[in-house]
Amino acid sequence: MLRPPELKAAPLANVPANASAVLHVDVPALQDGTLWRRLVVGRGADRGLRRLEDRCGFDPVGDLETVTVFVSGDEPFALDHIAAVIAGPLQHERLGECLGD
């Protein structure tokens, strides 16, 4: 049986030393920001999220606090593995039920 990994409280502390790239996003700050409104909402690039919200009846990323994505591999600068650490109450069961219909 596989056990889920034990994550550290600080999201960036979960990034391995051999990561080639790291992206850490404060989700509420991003969505409240001018750039998000101009470059994403203003251009309609959030259509997928809005359709998902309309279909499921809730915003699937609305409660997220942070998202940390990192890329690593066996060789320096390799892009073999991509992982994400999400902090906040992701309603995965509710989302799965909605998408399973």
PDB file of N, CA and C in Angstrom:
ATOM      1  N   MET A   1       0.840  -1.174   0.000  1.00  0.00           N
ATOM      2  CA  MET A   1       0.000   0.000   0.000  1.00  0.00           C
ATOM      3  C   MET A   1       0.887   1.239   0.000  1.00  0.00           C
ATOM      4  N   LEU A   2       0.534   2.167  -0.847  1.00  0.00           N
ATOM      5  CA  LEU A   2       1.260   3.427  -0.891  1.00  0.00           C
ATOM      6  C   LEU A   2       0.631   4.412   0.078  1.00  0.00           C
ATOM      7  N   ARG A   3       1.483   5.089   0.808  1.00  0.00           N
ATOM      8  CA  ARG A   3       1.001   6.139   1.697  1.00  0.00           C
ATOM      9  C   ARG A   3       1.166   7.470   0.990  1.00  0.00           C
ATOM     10  N   PRO A   4       0.258   8.409   1.231  1.00  0.00           N
ATOM     11  CA  PRO A   4       0.446   9.739   0.642  1.00  0.00           C
ATOM     12  C   PRO A   4       1.685  10.382   1.259  1.00  0.00           C
ATOM     13  N   PRO A   5       2.337  11.242   0.511  1.00  0.00           N
ATOM     14  CA  PRO A   5       3.539  11.883   1.054  1.00  0.00           C
ATOM     15  C   PRO A   5       3.188  12.790   2.220  1.00  0.00           C
ATOM     16  N   GLU A   6       4.109  12.920   3.150  1.00  0.00           N
ATOM     17  CA  GLU A   6       3.927  13.861   4.251  1.00  0.00           C
ATOM     18  C   GLU A   6       4.455  15.203   3.793  1.00  0.00           C
ATOM     19  N   LEU A   7       3.582  16.190   3.794  1.00  0.00           N
ATOM     20  CA  LEU A   7       3.948  17.506   3.311  1.00  0.00           C
ATOM     21  C   LEU A   7       4.281  18.435   4.464  1.00  0.00           C
ATOM     22  N   LYS A   8       5.235  19.296   4.228  1.00  0.00           N
ATOM     23  CA  LYS A   8       5.595  20.319   5.205  1.00  0.00           C
ATOM     24  C   LYS A   8       4.569  21.449   5.118  1.00  0.00           C
ATOM     25  N   ALA A   9       4.408  22.192   6.196  1.00  0.00           N
ATOM     26  CA  ALA A   9       3.407  23.262   6.246  1.00  0.00           C
ATOM     27  C   ALA A   9       3.715  24.380   5.260  1.00  0.00           C
ATOM     28  N   ALA A  10       4.991  24.725   5.097  1.00  0.00           N
ATOM     29  CA  ALA A  10       5.380  25.772   4.147  1.00  0.00           C
ATOM     30  C   ALA A  10       5.461  25.148   2.757  1.00  0.00           C
ATOM     31  N   PRO A  11       4.611  25.563   1.814  1.00  0.00           N
ATOM     32  CA  PRO A  11       4.566  24.913   0.502  1.00  0.00           C
ATOM     33  C   PRO A  11       5.914  24.834  -0.208  1.00  0.00           C
ATOM     34  N   LEU A  12       6.717  25.882  -0.141  1.00  0.00           N
ATOM     35  CA  LEU A  12       8.008  25.861  -0.838  1.00  0.00           C
ATOM     36  C   LEU A  12       8.995  24.888  -0.204  1.00  0.00           C
ATOM     37  N   ALA A  13       8.768  24.492   1.034  1.00  0.00           N
ATOM     38  CA  ALA A  13       9.634  23.522   1.693  1.00  0.00           C
ATOM     39  C   ALA A  13       9.451  22.126   1.100  1.00  0.00           C
ATOM     40  N   ASN A  14       8.393  21.920   0.322  1.00  0.00           N
ATOM     41  CA  ASN A  14       8.132  20.628  -0.314  1.00  0.00           C
ATOM     42  C   ASN A  14       8.796  20.478  -1.675  1.00  0.00           C
ATOM     43  N   VAL A  15       9.402  21.536  -2.160  1.00  0.00           N
ATOM     44  CA  VAL A  15      10.048  21.506  -3.470  1.00  0.00           C
ATOM     45  C   VAL A  15      11.407  20.833  -3.328  1.00  0.00           C
ATOM     46  N   PRO A  16      11.701  19.808  -4.135  1.00  0.00           N
ATOM     47  CA  PRO A  16      12.998  19.131  -4.027  1.00  0.00           C
ATOM     48  C   PRO A  16      14.144  20.039  -4.485  1.00  0.00           C
ATOM     49  N   ALA A  17      15.315  19.768  -3.956  1.00  0.00           N
ATOM     50  CA  ALA A  17      16.491  20.581  -4.272  1.00  0.00           C
ATOM     51  C   ALA A  17      16.854  20.520  -5.747  1.00  0.00           C
ATOM     52  N   ASN A  18      16.497  19.439  -6.435  1.00  0.00           N
ATOM     53  CA  ASN A  18      16.859  19.300  -7.844  1.00  0.00           C
ATOM     54  C   ASN A  18      15.796  19.851  -8.799  1.00  0.00           C
ATOM     55  N   ALA A  19      14.854  20.643  -8.284  1.00  0.00           N
ATOM     56  CA  ALA A  19      13.807  21.210  -9.144  1.00  0.00           C
ATOM     57  C   ALA A  19      14.424  22.160 -10.161  1.00  0.00           C
ATOM     58  N   SER A  20      13.983  22.030 -11.402  1.00  0.00           N
ATOM     59  CA  SER A  20      14.466  22.898 -12.480  1.00  0.00           C
ATOM     60  C   SER A  20      13.709  24.211 -12.534  1.00  0.00           C
ATOM     61  N   ALA A  21      12.449  24.186 -12.119  1.00  0.00           N
ATOM     62  CA  ALA A  21      11.616  25.387 -12.143  1.00  0.00           C
ATOM     63  C   ALA A  21      10.568  25.276 -11.048  1.00  0.00           C
ATOM     64  N   VAL A  22      10.195  26.432 -10.492  1.00  0.00           N
ATOM     65  CA  VAL A  22       9.192  26.483  -9.424  1.00  0.00           C
ATOM     66  C   VAL A  22       8.266  27.662  -9.685  1.00  0.00           C
ATOM     67  N   LEU A  23       6.985  27.438  -9.490  1.00  0.00           N
ATOM     68  CA  LEU A  23       5.999  28.505  -9.564  1.00  0.00           C
ATOM     69  C   LEU A  23       5.169  28.420  -8.296  1.00  0.00           C
ATOM     70  N   HIS A  24       5.106  29.513  -7.559  1.00  0.00           N
ATOM     71  CA  HIS A  24       4.309  29.559  -6.326  1.00  0.00           C
ATOM     72  C   HIS A  24       3.326  30.712  -6.465  1.00  0.00           C
ATOM     73  N   VAL A  25       2.036  30.420  -6.311  1.00  0.00           N
ATOM     74  CA  VAL A  25       0.993  31.417  -6.536  1.00  0.00           C
ATOM     75  C   VAL A  25       0.110  31.546  -5.303  1.00  0.00           C
ATOM     76  N   ASP A  26      -0.074  32.774  -4.858  1.00  0.00           N
ATOM     77  CA  ASP A  26      -1.075  33.100  -3.847  1.00  0.00           C
ATOM     78  C   ASP A  26      -2.361  33.310  -4.638  1.00  0.00           C
ATOM     79  N   VAL A  27      -3.253  32.334  -4.620  1.00  0.00           N
ATOM     80  CA  VAL A  27      -4.424  32.330  -5.507  1.00  0.00           C
ATOM     81  C   VAL A  27      -5.334  33.534  -5.289  1.00  0.00           C
ATOM     82  N   PRO A  28      -5.742  33.860  -4.044  1.00  0.00           N
ATOM     83  CA  PRO A  28      -6.612  35.032  -3.884  1.00  0.00           C
ATOM     84  C   PRO A  28      -5.947  36.332  -4.352  1.00  0.00           C
ATOM     85  N   ALA A  29      -4.660  36.495  -4.057  1.00  0.00           N
ATOM     86  CA  ALA A  29      -3.959  37.713  -4.494  1.00  0.00           C
ATOM     87  C   ALA A  29      -3.901  37.782  -6.016  1.00  0.00           C
ATOM     88  N   LEU A  30      -3.668  36.657  -6.657  1.00  0.00           N
ATOM     89  CA  LEU A  30      -3.630  36.628  -8.121  1.00  0.00           C
ATOM     90  C   LEU A  30      -4.985  37.015  -8.699  1.00  0.00           C
ATOM     91  N   GLN A  31      -6.047  36.391  -8.205  1.00  0.00           N
ATOM     92  CA  GLN A  31      -7.374  36.645  -8.759  1.00  0.00           C
ATOM     93  C   GLN A  31      -7.906  38.044  -8.423  1.00  0.00           C
ATOM     94  N   ASP A  32      -7.377  38.667  -7.381  1.00  0.00           N
ATOM     95  CA  ASP A  32      -7.777  40.027  -7.038  1.00  0.00           C
ATOM     96  C   ASP A  32      -6.936  41.073  -7.757  1.00  0.00           C
ATOM     97  N   GLY A  33      -5.881  40.637  -8.430  1.00  0.00           N
ATOM     98  CA  GLY A  33      -4.936  41.558  -9.034  1.00  0.00           C
ATOM     99  C   GLY A  33      -5.378  42.134 -10.367  1.00  0.00           C
ATOM    100  N   THR A  34      -4.807  43.279 -10.677  1.00  0.00           N
ATOM    101  CA  THR A  34      -5.090  43.983 -11.926  1.00  0.00           C
ATOM    102  C   THR A  34      -4.681  43.149 -13.139  1.00  0.00           C
ATOM    103  N   LEU A  35      -3.515  42.511 -13.070  1.00  0.00           N
ATOM    104  CA  LEU A  35      -3.059  41.716 -14.218  1.00  0.00           C
ATOM    105  C   LEU A  35      -4.016  40.572 -14.524  1.00  0.00           C
ATOM    106  N   TRP A  36      -4.511  39.904 -13.499  1.00  0.00           N
ATOM    107  CA  TRP A  36      -5.476  38.814 -13.706  1.00  0.00           C
ATOM    108  C   TRP A  36      -6.722  39.357 -14.403  1.00  0.00           C
ATOM    109  N   ARG A  37      -7.234  40.473 -13.898  1.00  0.00           N
ATOM    110  CA  ARG A  37      -8.451  41.042 -14.481  1.00  0.00           C
ATOM    111  C   ARG A  37      -8.222  41.480 -15.927  1.00  0.00           C
ATOM    112  N   ARG A  38      -7.077  42.068 -16.204  1.00  0.00           N
ATOM    113  CA  ARG A  38      -6.805  42.536 -17.567  1.00  0.00           C
ATOM    114  C   ARG A  38      -6.455  41.412 -18.527  1.00  0.00           C
ATOM    115  N   LEU A  39      -5.493  40.569 -18.120  1.00  0.00           N
ATOM    116  CA  LEU A  39      -4.959  39.568 -19.044  1.00  0.00           C
ATOM    117  C   LEU A  39      -5.771  38.285 -19.112  1.00  0.00           C
ATOM    118  N   VAL A  40      -6.491  37.976 -18.068  1.00  0.00           N
ATOM    119  CA  VAL A  40      -7.264  36.729 -18.066  1.00  0.00           C
ATOM    120  C   VAL A  40      -8.755  37.023 -18.227  1.00  0.00           C
ATOM    121  N   VAL A  41      -9.329  37.708 -17.274  1.00  0.00           N
ATOM    122  CA  VAL A  41     -10.766  37.981 -17.316  1.00  0.00           C
ATOM    123  C   VAL A  41     -11.113  38.889 -18.503  1.00  0.00           C
ATOM    124  N   GLY A  42     -10.349  39.957 -18.682  1.00  0.00           N
ATOM    125  CA  GLY A  42     -10.619  40.906 -19.751  1.00  0.00           C
ATOM    126  C   GLY A  42     -10.551  40.299 -21.138  1.00  0.00           C
ATOM    127  N   ARG A  43      -9.769  39.280 -21.307  1.00  0.00           N
ATOM    128  CA  ARG A  43      -9.639  38.613 -22.609  1.00  0.00           C
ATOM    129  C   ARG A  43     -10.495  37.356 -22.713  1.00  0.00           C
ATOM    130  N   GLY A  44     -11.243  37.071 -21.664  1.00  0.00           N
ATOM    131  CA  GLY A  44     -12.101  35.886 -21.685  1.00  0.00           C
ATOM    132  C   GLY A  44     -11.355  34.584 -21.482  1.00  0.00           C
ATOM    133  N   ALA A  45     -10.115  34.659 -21.018  1.00  0.00           N
ATOM    134  CA  ALA A  45      -9.319  33.448 -20.842  1.00  0.00           C
ATOM    135  C   ALA A  45      -9.745  32.641 -19.616  1.00  0.00           C
ATOM    136  N   ASP A  46     -10.674  33.159 -18.853  1.00  0.00           N
ATOM    137  CA  ASP A  46     -11.195  32.414 -17.708  1.00  0.00           C
ATOM    138  C   ASP A  46     -12.494  31.686 -18.050  1.00  0.00           C
ATOM    139  N   ARG A  47     -12.814  31.599 -19.342  1.00  0.00           N
ATOM    140  CA  ARG A  47     -14.059  30.948 -19.779  1.00  0.00           C
ATOM    141  C   ARG A  47     -14.181  29.525 -19.255  1.00  0.00           C
ATOM    142  N   GLY A  48     -13.083  28.776 -19.276  1.00  0.00           N
ATOM    143  CA  GLY A  48     -13.130  27.392 -18.796  1.00  0.00           C
ATOM    144  C   GLY A  48     -13.511  27.308 -17.332  1.00  0.00           C
ATOM    145  N   LEU A  49     -12.932  28.172 -16.519  1.00  0.00           N
ATOM    146  CA  LEU A  49     -13.283  28.197 -15.099  1.00  0.00           C
ATOM    147  C   LEU A  49     -14.732  28.610 -14.897  1.00  0.00           C
ATOM    148  N   ARG A  50     -15.197  29.589 -15.652  1.00  0.00           N
ATOM    149  CA  ARG A  50     -16.588  30.046 -15.515  1.00  0.00           C
ATOM    150  C   ARG A  50     -17.556  28.954 -15.962  1.00  0.00           C
ATOM    151  N   ARG A  51     -17.236  28.236 -17.042  1.00  0.00           N
ATOM    152  CA  ARG A  51     -18.106  27.131 -17.493  1.00  0.00           C
ATOM    153  C   ARG A  51     -18.172  26.044 -16.431  1.00  0.00           C
ATOM    154  N   LEU A  52     -17.023  25.753 -15.826  1.00  0.00           N
ATOM    155  CA  LEU A  52     -16.978  24.754 -14.762  1.00  0.00           C
ATOM    156  C   LEU A  52     -17.816  25.214 -13.574  1.00  0.00           C
ATOM    157  N   GLU A  53     -17.717  26.482 -13.241  1.00  0.00           N
ATOM    158  CA  GLU A  53     -18.518  27.033 -12.141  1.00  0.00           C
ATOM    159  C   GLU A  53     -20.013  26.965 -12.468  1.00  0.00           C
ATOM    160  N   ASP A  54     -20.383  27.289 -13.693  1.00  0.00           N
ATOM    161  CA  ASP A  54     -21.789  27.210 -14.095  1.00  0.00           C
ATOM    162  C   ASP A  54     -22.302  25.775 -14.060  1.00  0.00           C
ATOM    163  N   ARG A  55     -21.498  24.859 -14.543  1.00  0.00           N
ATOM    164  CA  ARG A  55     -21.902  23.449 -14.600  1.00  0.00           C
ATOM    165  C   ARG A  55     -22.018  22.844 -13.209  1.00  0.00           C
ATOM    166  N   CYS A  56     -21.046  23.133 -12.348  1.00  0.00           N
ATOM    167  CA  CYS A  56     -20.969  22.468 -11.043  1.00  0.00           C
ATOM    168  C   CYS A  56     -21.647  23.244  -9.923  1.00  0.00           C
ATOM    169  N   GLY A  57     -21.891  24.538 -10.139  1.00  0.00           N
ATOM    170  CA  GLY A  57     -22.554  25.327  -9.117  1.00  0.00           C
ATOM    171  C   GLY A  57     -21.630  25.900  -8.060  1.00  0.00           C
ATOM    172  N   PHE A  58     -20.323  25.821  -8.265  1.00  0.00           N
ATOM    173  CA  PHE A  58     -19.365  26.416  -7.340  1.00  0.00           C
ATOM    174  C   PHE A  58     -18.065  26.679  -8.088  1.00  0.00           C
ATOM    175  N   ASP A  59     -17.270  27.582  -7.547  1.00  0.00           N
ATOM    176  CA  ASP A  59     -15.970  27.918  -8.133  1.00  0.00           C
ATOM    177  C   ASP A  59     -14.946  26.933  -7.595  1.00  0.00           C
ATOM    178  N   PRO A  60     -14.413  26.033  -8.426  1.00  0.00           N
ATOM    179  CA  PRO A  60     -13.508  24.992  -7.932  1.00  0.00           C
ATOM    180  C   PRO A  60     -12.182  25.515  -7.393  1.00  0.00           C
ATOM    181  N   VAL A  61     -11.783  26.716  -7.773  1.00  0.00           N
ATOM    182  CA  VAL A  61     -10.524  27.267  -7.253  1.00  0.00           C
ATOM    183  C   VAL A  61     -10.782  28.391  -6.253  1.00  0.00           C
ATOM    184  N   GLY A  62     -12.036  28.679  -5.955  1.00  0.00           N
ATOM    185  CA  GLY A  62     -12.390  29.798  -5.099  1.00  0.00           C
ATOM    186  C   GLY A  62     -11.851  29.724  -3.684  1.00  0.00           C
ATOM    187  N   ASP A  63     -11.672  28.534  -3.151  1.00  0.00           N
ATOM    188  CA  ASP A  63     -11.209  28.388  -1.775  1.00  0.00           C
ATOM    189  C   ASP A  63      -9.719  28.092  -1.663  1.00  0.00           C
ATOM    190  N   LEU A  64      -9.047  27.953  -2.792  1.00  0.00           N
ATOM    191  CA  LEU A  64      -7.625  27.624  -2.736  1.00  0.00           C
ATOM    192  C   LEU A  64      -6.825  28.791  -2.181  1.00  0.00           C
ATOM    193  N   GLU A  65      -5.795  28.477  -1.416  1.00  0.00           N
ATOM    194  CA  GLU A  65      -4.932  29.504  -0.831  1.00  0.00           C
ATOM    195  C   GLU A  65      -3.678  29.696  -1.675  1.00  0.00           C
ATOM    196  N   THR A  66      -2.966  28.610  -1.898  1.00  0.00           N
ATOM    197  CA  THR A  66      -1.752  28.678  -2.713  1.00  0.00           C
ATOM    198  C   THR A  66      -1.663  27.458  -3.612  1.00  0.00           C
ATOM    199  N   VAL A  67      -0.953  27.630  -4.717  1.00  0.00           N
ATOM    200  CA  VAL A  67      -0.608  26.522  -5.609  1.00  0.00           C
ATOM    201  C   VAL A  67       0.888  26.631  -5.870  1.00  0.00           C
ATOM    202  N   THR A  68       1.598  25.550  -5.613  1.00  0.00           N
ATOM    203  CA  THR A  68       3.031  25.495  -5.867  1.00  0.00           C
ATOM    204  C   THR A  68       3.272  24.375  -6.867  1.00  0.00           C
ATOM    205  N   VAL A  69       3.843  24.712  -8.000  1.00  0.00           N
ATOM    206  CA  VAL A  69       4.134  23.734  -9.055  1.00  0.00           C
ATOM    207  C   VAL A  69       5.643  23.702  -9.242  1.00  0.00           C
ATOM    208  N   PHE A  70       6.196  22.493  -9.365  1.00  0.00           N
ATOM    209  CA  PHE A  70       7.627  22.392  -9.642  1.00  0.00           C
ATOM    210  C   PHE A  70       7.900  21.300 -10.655  1.00  0.00           C
ATOM    211  N   VAL A  71       9.011  21.474 -11.342  1.00  0.00           N
ATOM    212  CA  VAL A  71       9.447  20.553 -12.390  1.00  0.00           C
ATOM    213  C   VAL A  71      10.815  20.029 -11.994  1.00  0.00           C
ATOM    214  N   SER A  72      11.020  18.723 -12.152  1.00  0.00           N
ATOM    215  CA  SER A  72      12.326  18.140 -11.847  1.00  0.00           C
ATOM    216  C   SER A  72      12.596  16.981 -12.793  1.00  0.00           C
ATOM    217  N   GLY A  73      13.806  16.496 -12.737  1.00  0.00           N
ATOM    218  CA  GLY A  73      14.201  15.368 -13.575  1.00  0.00           C
ATOM    219  C   GLY A  73      15.522  14.806 -13.104  1.00  0.00           C
ATOM    220  N   ASP A  74      15.958  13.760 -13.772  1.00  0.00           N
ATOM    221  CA  ASP A  74      17.198  13.110 -13.379  1.00  0.00           C
ATOM    222  C   ASP A  74      18.430  13.899 -13.796  1.00  0.00           C
ATOM    223  N   GLU A  75      18.303  14.686 -14.842  1.00  0.00           N
ATOM    224  CA  GLU A  75      19.407  15.512 -15.333  1.00  0.00           C
ATOM    225  C   GLU A  75      19.123  16.974 -14.995  1.00  0.00           C
ATOM    226  N   PRO A  76      20.164  17.797 -14.854  1.00  0.00           N
ATOM    227  CA  PRO A  76      19.913  19.220 -14.618  1.00  0.00           C
ATOM    228  C   PRO A  76      19.051  19.818 -15.731  1.00  0.00           C
ATOM    229  N   PHE A  77      18.099  20.616 -15.354  1.00  0.00           N
ATOM    230  CA  PHE A  77      17.170  21.300 -16.267  1.00  0.00           C
ATOM    231  C   PHE A  77      16.242  20.335 -17.016  1.00  0.00           C
ATOM    232  N   ALA A  78      16.157  19.101 -16.564  1.00  0.00           N
ATOM    233  CA  ALA A  78      15.238  18.145 -17.188  1.00  0.00           C
ATOM    234  C   ALA A  78      13.809  18.460 -16.752  1.00  0.00           C
ATOM    235  N   LEU A  79      12.871  18.148 -17.600  1.00  0.00           N
ATOM    236  CA  LEU A  79      11.458  18.393 -17.328  1.00  0.00           C
ATOM    237  C   LEU A  79      10.687  17.082 -17.271  1.00  0.00           C
ATOM    238  N   ASP A  80      11.256  16.101 -16.583  1.00  0.00           N
ATOM    239  CA  ASP A  80      10.674  14.765 -16.551  1.00  0.00           C
ATOM    240  C   ASP A  80       9.437  14.642 -15.659  1.00  0.00           C
ATOM    241  N   HIS A  81       9.409  15.381 -14.565  1.00  0.00           N
ATOM    242  CA  HIS A  81       8.340  15.227 -13.581  1.00  0.00           C
ATOM    243  C   HIS A  81       7.758  16.598 -13.233  1.00  0.00           C
ATOM    244  N   ILE A  82       6.441  16.675 -13.223  1.00  0.00           N
ATOM    245  CA  ILE A  82       5.754  17.896 -12.824  1.00  0.00           C
ATOM    246  C   ILE A  82       4.858  17.539 -11.639  1.00  0.00           C
ATOM    247  N   ALA A  83       4.934  18.342 -10.587  1.00  0.00           N
ATOM    248  CA  ALA A  83       4.113  18.099  -9.400  1.00  0.00           C
ATOM    249  C   ALA A  83       3.513  19.412  -8.927  1.00  0.00           C
ATOM    250  N   ALA A  84       2.397  19.304  -8.233  1.00  0.00           N
ATOM    251  CA  ALA A  84       1.741  20.483  -7.677  1.00  0.00           C
ATOM    252  C   ALA A  84       1.354  20.204  -6.236  1.00  0.00           C
ATOM    253  N   VAL A  85       1.525  21.209  -5.404  1.00  0.00           N
ATOM    254  CA  VAL A  85       1.085  21.159  -4.013  1.00  0.00           C
ATOM    255  C   VAL A  85       0.029  22.259  -3.875  1.00  0.00           C
ATOM    256  N   ILE A  86      -1.179  21.860  -3.531  1.00  0.00           N
ATOM    257  CA  ILE A  86      -2.289  22.794  -3.429  1.00  0.00           C
ATOM    258  C   ILE A  86      -2.653  22.941  -1.960  1.00  0.00           C
ATOM    259  N   ALA A  87      -2.732  24.186  -1.485  1.00  0.00           N
ATOM    260  CA  ALA A  87      -3.149  24.451  -0.107  1.00  0.00           C
ATOM    261  C   ALA A  87      -4.513  25.114  -0.130  1.00  0.00           C
ATOM    262  N   GLY A  88      -5.393  24.601   0.694  1.00  0.00           N
ATOM    263  CA  GLY A  88      -6.752  25.124   0.763  1.00  0.00           C
ATOM    264  C   GLY A  88      -7.734  24.003   0.511  1.00  0.00           C
ATOM    265  N   PRO A  89      -8.982  24.242   0.812  1.00  0.00           N
ATOM    266  CA  PRO A  89      -9.996  23.190   0.702  1.00  0.00           C
ATOM    267  C   PRO A  89     -10.466  22.955  -0.736  1.00  0.00           C
ATOM    268  N   LEU A  90      -9.737  22.134  -1.460  1.00  0.00           N
ATOM    269  CA  LEU A  90     -10.146  21.731  -2.798  1.00  0.00           C
ATOM    270  C   LEU A  90     -11.288  20.727  -2.647  1.00  0.00           C
ATOM    271  N   GLN A  91     -12.415  21.031  -3.225  1.00  0.00           N
ATOM    272  CA  GLN A  91     -13.595  20.171  -3.114  1.00  0.00           C
ATOM    273  C   GLN A  91     -13.538  19.085  -4.190  1.00  0.00           C
ATOM    274  N   HIS A  92     -12.553  18.205  -4.077  1.00  0.00           N
ATOM    275  CA  HIS A  92     -12.307  17.223  -5.127  1.00  0.00           C
ATOM    276  C   HIS A  92     -13.453  16.234  -5.304  1.00  0.00           C
ATOM    277  N   GLU A  93     -14.105  15.823  -4.232  1.00  0.00           N
ATOM    278  CA  GLU A  93     -15.214  14.879  -4.376  1.00  0.00           C
ATOM    279  C   GLU A  93     -16.396  15.534  -5.084  1.00  0.00           C
ATOM    280  N   ARG A  94     -16.695  16.746  -4.693  1.00  0.00           N
ATOM    281  CA  ARG A  94     -17.798  17.478  -5.325  1.00  0.00           C
ATOM    282  C   ARG A  94     -17.493  17.751  -6.796  1.00  0.00           C
ATOM    283  N   LEU A  95     -16.262  18.106  -7.089  1.00  0.00           N
ATOM    284  CA  LEU A  95     -15.841  18.356  -8.456  1.00  0.00           C
ATOM    285  C   LEU A  95     -15.902  17.070  -9.274  1.00  0.00           C
ATOM    286  N   GLY A  96     -15.445  15.972  -8.694  1.00  0.00           N
ATOM    287  CA  GLY A  96     -15.484  14.684  -9.376  1.00  0.00           C
ATOM    288  C   GLY A  96     -16.911  14.238  -9.684  1.00  0.00           C
ATOM    289  N   GLU A  97     -17.805  14.433  -8.735  1.00  0.00           N
ATOM    290  CA  GLU A  97     -19.213  14.082  -8.971  1.00  0.00           C
ATOM    291  C   GLU A  97     -19.796  14.916 -10.100  1.00  0.00           C
ATOM    292  N   CYS A  98     -19.461  16.203 -10.115  1.00  0.00           N
ATOM    293  CA  CYS A  98     -19.981  17.080 -11.160  1.00  0.00           C
ATOM    294  C   CYS A  98     -19.458  16.669 -12.526  1.00  0.00           C
ATOM    295  N   LEU A  99     -18.172  16.408 -12.616  1.00  0.00           N
ATOM    296  CA  LEU A  99     -17.573  16.053 -13.896  1.00  0.00           C
ATOM    297  C   LEU A  99     -17.912  14.651 -14.347  1.00  0.00           C
ATOM    298  N   GLY A 100     -18.311  13.808 -13.401  1.00  0.00           N
ATOM    299  CA  GLY A 100     -18.677  12.443 -13.745  1.00  0.00           C
ATOM    300  C   GLY A 100     -20.057  12.318 -14.368  1.00  0.00           C
ATOM    301  N   ASP A 101     -20.843  13.368 -14.258  1.00  0.00           N
ATOM    302  CA  ASP A 101     -22.221  13.333 -14.823  1.00  0.00           C
ATOM    303  C   ASP A 101     -22.186  13.355 -16.325  1.00  0.00           C
TER     304      ASP A 101
END
